[in-house]
């Protein structure tokens, strides 16, 4: 089930009138806003570094992908970033924290959770910031409570449609085992390109020597960045299906070097990060059986490669929506369910099932033994999209192909 109801509402609002171009423009605006929001920070001596933070975020290949094809990732990043900015502005040095700004910070984090439910995992980091930044213990706990309540309540309000529609299934996690070498490849190719890794090593090495020279806002940003990465990165190892999940990490990775590394070095290496998206020099192959290959051509860049892959996934989803059988048919689409629901906002969704109003077709993300039994009793034909049969067997112990399901080949787009 999708954990991003706010993006579905956004798509439902924009696509009938403006179509997908309207949604693309909205994503571009959100992406640019996500880089400009840092200029709202109350910095003094480090204010000239904000432009570097904004640029380092904007040109990162993964962030650019999020603006073009990332759907909900870019909105999540925007509102988590805005939440941190409001949190910092609410912690006025030498004064009591601003309750209003702290509440707004929590609401923004809840809105981010409405775009991606995983955003709420950042809440402990924000709570930790308040604990260390507010010297009076009683006031600190009071402020932490305000933040937590605002975040949880706004998250529940945003996620209520999902919880009502899917029930407890909305919180279920489907394991996605991937070979470690492939995870490392995705991290190095999409998230930590070589120019960024060099900046990161230099920046982290200089953080401790420069720590006392940082103003309080920069210390909060740097500590928050480390906390966010410590939470988000392990989550990616648990569910490493696509690098887009790590879009949220982009501005926080940049925080670990833009304030500590030499300004000239950052100014030189940030454009190299942008170039990496188009001209790639892979240092390892995506599959263990492949040898290391150095490729210097634009189409080999991760941004071009990933954009092609995402548009192919979109076309595949459109093909799935064109299934028009005469007999009752259930299609198990796995992770593609959210895209289908976004492409057809006018179709009815009931109990997590997307139903074609013109043909007897239902689309399921996954099916458990009880659902399979119900479909069989109602004489439904079954189609399973490539890959979903493996997850179904791992999670529920059901071999859908043995149960008579027809196999949908993702690449050739036909049944066999």
Foldseek 3Di string as FASTA:
>chain_A
DAQAQVLLVVLVVCCVPPNVVRVLVVLLVLLLLLLCLLLLAPDDPCSVLSVLLSLLLNLFLLSVCCSHQVRLLSLLLSLLSNLLRLLNVQLDPPDQGDLVSLLSSLLSLLNSSNSPVCSCLLLVLSLVLLCVSDPDNVSSVVSSVSSVVSNVVNNCVSCVVVCVFAPPVVVDDFFDDDDPLLLVQQCCQRPNDPLLVVLLVQLQVQCVVCVVVDDPSLNSLLSSLVVVCVRQVVVCNRPVPDPSSCSSNRSSSSSSGSRGPDVVSSVVSSVVSSVQQFFPQRQADNDPVDDRDGGGGRCPGNSNVVSVVSVLLLVLLVLVVPDADQAQAEEAEAPCLVVNCSVCVVFDRHNQWTADPPHNYIYHNADAPVRVVVCVVVVHAYAYEPPRQVSNCVPHVDRVVVVPYWYAYSPVGDTD
